[in-house]
Amino acid sequence: MRALIQRVSRATVRVDGEHVGQCSQGLLVLLGVAPQDDEAAASWLAKKLAGLRIFPDEQGRMNLSLQDIGGSALVVSQFTLYGDCSKGRRPSFVKSAPPELAEPLYERFCELLAEQGPAVERGVFGAMMQVELSNEGPVTLMIETP
């Protein structure tokens, strides 16, 4: 699994102009699933994100986690995180999991992250979405399961 995470003061996602998810202070998580991923990968990543110390403490240092600040998360499926642009001009997505594998793992990841404490909202798997965010810092990190 790959997660592109952004520390945000707010993030929202819309589908066909309809608001479907949002978060306030916390993380926007763009989540990609690979064919070899499983529930163990989803669990590892959920624990990692919930405890990742990327929020500022009183001195402005990145010492606090999503759990520490009582933050929330907006998780959006993003198969293009596994896009390969090394050849030609059109990305290849053969390293992305097919929807029948990716969707249940995306849903399970969201459940596992919520079990760690933060409120979790979601985009709509497979939909064309419009994502708006206010990146704080800016802080943007790519995390991949081992």
C-alpha atoms as a PDB file:
ATOM      1  CA  MET A   1       0.000   0.000   0.000  1.00  0.00           C
ATOM      2  CA  ARG A   2       1.042   3.539  -0.659  1.00  0.00           C
ATOM      3  CA  ALA A   3      -0.310   6.547   1.147  1.00  0.00           C
ATOM      4  CA  LEU A   4       0.350  10.110   0.141  1.00  0.00           C
ATOM      5  CA  ILE A   5      -0.563  12.027   3.268  1.00  0.00           C
ATOM      6  CA  GLN A   6      -1.008  15.731   3.695  1.00  0.00           C
ATOM      7  CA  ARG A   7      -1.319  17.525   7.019  1.00  0.00           C
ATOM      8  CA  VAL A   8      -4.411  19.682   6.622  1.00  0.00           C
ATOM      9  CA  SER A   9      -6.477  22.246   8.466  1.00  0.00           C
ATOM     10  CA  ARG A  10      -9.418  21.099   6.330  1.00  0.00           C
ATOM     11  CA  ALA A  11     -10.160  18.815   3.384  1.00  0.00           C
ATOM     12  CA  THR A  12     -13.347  17.965   1.512  1.00  0.00           C
ATOM     13  CA  VAL A  13     -14.295  15.606  -1.287  1.00  0.00           C
ATOM     14  CA  ARG A  14     -17.208  15.912  -3.682  1.00  0.00           C
ATOM     15  CA  VAL A  15     -18.687  13.571  -6.273  1.00  0.00           C
ATOM     16  CA  ASP A  16     -20.869  15.113  -8.977  1.00  0.00           C
ATOM     17  CA  GLY A  17     -20.967  18.327  -6.948  1.00  0.00           C
ATOM     18  CA  GLU A  18     -22.294  16.522  -3.871  1.00  0.00           C
ATOM     19  CA  HIS A  19     -20.306  16.697  -0.640  1.00  0.00           C
ATOM     20  CA  VAL A  20     -19.400  13.122   0.427  1.00  0.00           C
ATOM     21  CA  GLY A  21     -16.623  13.545   3.022  1.00  0.00           C
ATOM     22  CA  GLN A  22     -14.557  16.025   4.976  1.00  0.00           C
ATOM     23  CA  CYS A  23     -12.088  16.438   7.786  1.00  0.00           C
ATOM     24  CA  SER A  24     -10.909  19.327   9.869  1.00  0.00           C
ATOM     25  CA  GLN A  25      -7.452  19.395  11.447  1.00  0.00           C
ATOM     26  CA  GLY A  26      -5.814  16.107  10.556  1.00  0.00           C
ATOM     27  CA  LEU A  27      -4.786  14.160   7.481  1.00  0.00           C
ATOM     28  CA  LEU A  28      -5.865  13.856   3.899  1.00  0.00           C
ATOM     29  CA  VAL A  29      -4.843  10.330   2.921  1.00  0.00           C
ATOM     30  CA  LEU A  30      -4.611   9.387  -0.762  1.00  0.00           C
ATOM     31  CA  LEU A  31      -4.449   5.584  -0.668  1.00  0.00           C
ATOM     32  CA  GLY A  32      -3.169   3.247  -3.369  1.00  0.00           C
ATOM     33  CA  VAL A  33      -3.434  -0.546  -3.196  1.00  0.00           C
ATOM     34  CA  ALA A  34      -1.087  -3.003  -4.926  1.00  0.00           C
ATOM     35  CA  PRO A  35      -1.981  -6.586  -5.925  1.00  0.00           C
ATOM     36  CA  GLN A  36       0.170  -8.120  -3.161  1.00  0.00           C
ATOM     37  CA  ASP A  37      -1.425  -6.048  -0.369  1.00  0.00           C
ATOM     38  CA  ASP A  38      -3.469  -7.677   2.371  1.00  0.00           C
ATOM     39  CA  GLU A  39      -5.079  -6.904   5.721  1.00  0.00           C
ATOM     40  CA  ALA A  40      -1.697  -7.032   7.481  1.00  0.00           C
ATOM     41  CA  ALA A  41      -0.464  -4.214   5.230  1.00  0.00           C
ATOM     42  CA  ALA A  42      -3.623  -2.202   5.913  1.00  0.00           C
ATOM     43  CA  SER A  43      -3.217  -2.702   9.665  1.00  0.00           C
ATOM     44  CA  TRP A  44       0.455  -1.678   9.622  1.00  0.00           C
ATOM     45  CA  LEU A  45      -0.327   1.458   7.632  1.00  0.00           C
ATOM     46  CA  ALA A  46      -3.306   2.444   9.814  1.00  0.00           C
ATOM     47  CA  LYS A  47      -1.194   2.201  12.978  1.00  0.00           C
ATOM     48  CA  LYS A  48       1.663   4.079  11.318  1.00  0.00           C
ATOM     49  CA  LEU A  49      -0.540   6.984  10.228  1.00  0.00           C
ATOM     50  CA  ALA A  50      -2.416   7.291  13.518  1.00  0.00           C
ATOM     51  CA  GLY A  51       0.842   7.517  15.474  1.00  0.00           C
ATOM     52  CA  LEU A  52       2.996   9.462  13.003  1.00  0.00           C
ATOM     53  CA  ARG A  53       4.309  12.569  14.765  1.00  0.00           C
ATOM     54  CA  ILE A  54       3.856  15.289  12.147  1.00  0.00           C
ATOM     55  CA  PHE A  55       1.776  17.870  14.028  1.00  0.00           C
ATOM     56  CA  PRO A  56       3.417  20.751  15.868  1.00  0.00           C
ATOM     57  CA  ASP A  57       3.769  20.903  19.634  1.00  0.00           C
ATOM     58  CA  GLU A  58       3.889  24.148  21.660  1.00  0.00           C
ATOM     59  CA  GLN A  59       7.412  24.863  20.355  1.00  0.00           C
ATOM     60  CA  GLY A  60       6.397  24.285  16.749  1.00  0.00           C
ATOM     61  CA  ARG A  61       8.264  20.951  16.474  1.00  0.00           C
ATOM     62  CA  MET A  62       6.700  17.935  14.806  1.00  0.00           C
ATOM     63  CA  ASN A  63       6.112  15.926  17.977  1.00  0.00           C
ATOM     64  CA  LEU A  64       2.387  15.210  18.008  1.00  0.00           C
ATOM     65  CA  SER A  65       0.406  12.514  16.220  1.00  0.00           C
ATOM     66  CA  LEU A  66      -3.105  12.419  14.833  1.00  0.00           C
ATOM     67  CA  GLN A  67      -4.081  10.562  18.005  1.00  0.00           C
ATOM     68  CA  ASP A  68      -2.425  13.215  20.202  1.00  0.00           C
ATOM     69  CA  ILE A  69      -4.292  16.131  18.642  1.00  0.00           C
ATOM     70  CA  GLY A  70      -7.636  14.335  18.391  1.00  0.00           C
ATOM     71  CA  GLY A  71      -7.570  14.950  14.653  1.00  0.00           C
ATOM     72  CA  SER A  72      -9.585  13.413  11.863  1.00  0.00           C
ATOM     73  CA  ALA A  73      -8.788  11.860   8.493  1.00  0.00           C
ATOM     74  CA  LEU A  74     -10.251  11.944   5.020  1.00  0.00           C
ATOM     75  CA  VAL A  75      -9.252   8.853   3.026  1.00  0.00           C
ATOM     76  CA  VAL A  76      -9.530   8.910  -0.764  1.00  0.00           C
ATOM     77  CA  SER A  77      -8.778   5.916  -3.003  1.00  0.00           C
ATOM     78  CA  GLN A  78      -6.025   6.761  -5.493  1.00  0.00           C
ATOM     79  CA  PHE A  79      -4.971   3.941  -7.843  1.00  0.00           C
ATOM     80  CA  THR A  80      -2.756   6.380  -9.761  1.00  0.00           C
ATOM     81  CA  LEU A  81      -0.222   6.285  -6.904  1.00  0.00           C
ATOM     82  CA  TYR A  82       1.016   3.082  -8.552  1.00  0.00           C
ATOM     83  CA  GLY A  83       1.218   4.680 -11.986  1.00  0.00           C
ATOM     84  CA  ASP A  84       4.448   3.933 -13.875  1.00  0.00           C
ATOM     85  CA  CYS A  85       5.607   6.748 -16.162  1.00  0.00           C
ATOM     86  CA  SER A  86       9.033   5.295 -16.992  1.00  0.00           C
ATOM     87  CA  LYS A  87       8.168   4.358 -20.581  1.00  0.00           C
ATOM     88  CA  GLY A  88       6.242   6.241 -23.204  1.00  0.00           C
ATOM     89  CA  ARG A  89       3.915   9.121 -22.524  1.00  0.00           C
ATOM     90  CA  ARG A  90       0.939   7.341 -21.025  1.00  0.00           C
ATOM     91  CA  PRO A  91       1.182   5.993 -17.465  1.00  0.00           C
ATOM     92  CA  SER A  92       0.799   2.268 -16.922  1.00  0.00           C
ATOM     93  CA  PHE A  93      -1.303   1.145 -13.982  1.00  0.00           C
ATOM     94  CA  VAL A  94      -0.465  -2.572 -14.026  1.00  0.00           C
ATOM     95  CA  LYS A  95       1.088  -2.231 -10.543  1.00  0.00           C
ATOM     96  CA  SER A  96      -2.267  -1.124  -9.096  1.00  0.00           C
ATOM     97  CA  ALA A  97      -4.575  -3.735  -7.611  1.00  0.00           C
ATOM     98  CA  PRO A  98      -7.753  -4.520  -9.551  1.00  0.00           C
ATOM     99  CA  PRO A  99     -10.927  -2.992  -8.069  1.00  0.00           C
ATOM    100  CA  GLU A 100     -12.187  -6.321  -6.688  1.00  0.00           C
ATOM    101  CA  LEU A 101      -9.080  -6.498  -4.446  1.00  0.00           C
ATOM    102  CA  ALA A 102      -8.505  -2.786  -3.881  1.00  0.00           C
ATOM    103  CA  GLU A 103     -11.984  -1.748  -2.752  1.00  0.00           C
ATOM    104  CA  PRO A 104     -12.297  -4.185   0.185  1.00  0.00           C
ATOM    105  CA  LEU A 105      -8.764  -3.303   1.346  1.00  0.00           C
ATOM    106  CA  TYR A 106      -9.499   0.415   1.053  1.00  0.00           C
ATOM    107  CA  GLU A 107     -12.631  -0.064   3.164  1.00  0.00           C
ATOM    108  CA  ARG A 108     -10.766  -2.222   5.683  1.00  0.00           C
ATOM    109  CA  PHE A 109      -7.958   0.335   5.965  1.00  0.00           C
ATOM    110  CA  CYS A 110     -10.544   3.020   6.796  1.00  0.00           C
ATOM    111  CA  GLU A 111     -12.032   0.785   9.504  1.00  0.00           C
ATOM    112  CA  LEU A 112      -8.596   0.003  10.960  1.00  0.00           C
ATOM    113  CA  LEU A 113      -7.609   3.679  11.024  1.00  0.00           C
ATOM    114  CA  ALA A 114     -10.870   4.563  12.804  1.00  0.00           C
ATOM    115  CA  GLU A 115     -10.094   1.844  15.391  1.00  0.00           C
ATOM    116  CA  GLN A 116      -6.936   3.821  16.237  1.00  0.00           C
ATOM    117  CA  GLY A 117      -9.092   6.739  17.391  1.00  0.00           C
ATOM    118  CA  PRO A 118      -9.470   9.395  14.700  1.00  0.00           C
ATOM    119  CA  ALA A 119     -12.771  10.125  13.020  1.00  0.00           C
ATOM    120  CA  VAL A 120     -12.480   8.840   9.444  1.00  0.00           C
ATOM    121  CA  GLU A 121     -14.451   9.966   6.425  1.00  0.00           C
ATOM    122  CA  ARG A 122     -14.087   8.615   2.891  1.00  0.00           C
ATOM    123  CA  GLY A 123     -14.305   9.431  -0.731  1.00  0.00           C
ATOM    124  CA  VAL A 124     -16.248   7.152  -3.087  1.00  0.00           C
ATOM    125  CA  PHE A 125     -14.180   4.263  -4.400  1.00  0.00           C
ATOM    126  CA  GLY A 126     -13.780   4.393  -8.179  1.00  0.00           C
ATOM    127  CA  ALA A 127     -15.633   7.688  -8.594  1.00  0.00           C
ATOM    128  CA  MET A 128     -14.376  10.847 -10.251  1.00  0.00           C
ATOM    129  CA  MET A 129     -13.838  13.071  -7.216  1.00  0.00           C
ATOM    130  CA  GLN A 130     -13.009  16.691  -6.573  1.00  0.00           C
ATOM    131  CA  VAL A 131     -10.737  17.073  -3.552  1.00  0.00           C
ATOM    132  CA  GLU A 132     -10.135  20.419  -1.883  1.00  0.00           C
ATOM    133  CA  LEU A 133      -7.663  20.938   0.926  1.00  0.00           C
ATOM    134  CA  SER A 134      -5.708  23.433   2.926  1.00  0.00           C
ATOM    135  CA  ASN A 135      -2.268  21.870   3.418  1.00  0.00           C
ATOM    136  CA  GLU A 136      -0.652  22.961   6.683  1.00  0.00           C
ATOM    137  CA  GLY A 137       3.091  23.526   6.568  1.00  0.00           C
ATOM    138  CA  PRO A 138       2.957  22.376   3.855  1.00  0.00           C
ATOM    139  CA  VAL A 139       3.604  18.835   5.044  1.00  0.00           C
ATOM    140  CA  THR A 140       3.242  16.057   2.450  1.00  0.00           C
ATOM    141  CA  LEU A 141       4.723  12.568   2.906  1.00  0.00           C
ATOM    142  CA  MET A 142       4.680   9.297   0.965  1.00  0.00           C
ATOM    143  CA  ILE A 143       4.484   6.172   3.099  1.00  0.00           C
ATOM    144  CA  GLU A 144       4.693   2.659   1.717  1.00  0.00           C
ATOM    145  CA  THR A 145       4.127  -0.607   3.548  1.00  0.00           C
ATOM    146  CA  PRO A 146       7.223  -2.779   3.970  1.00  0.00           C
END
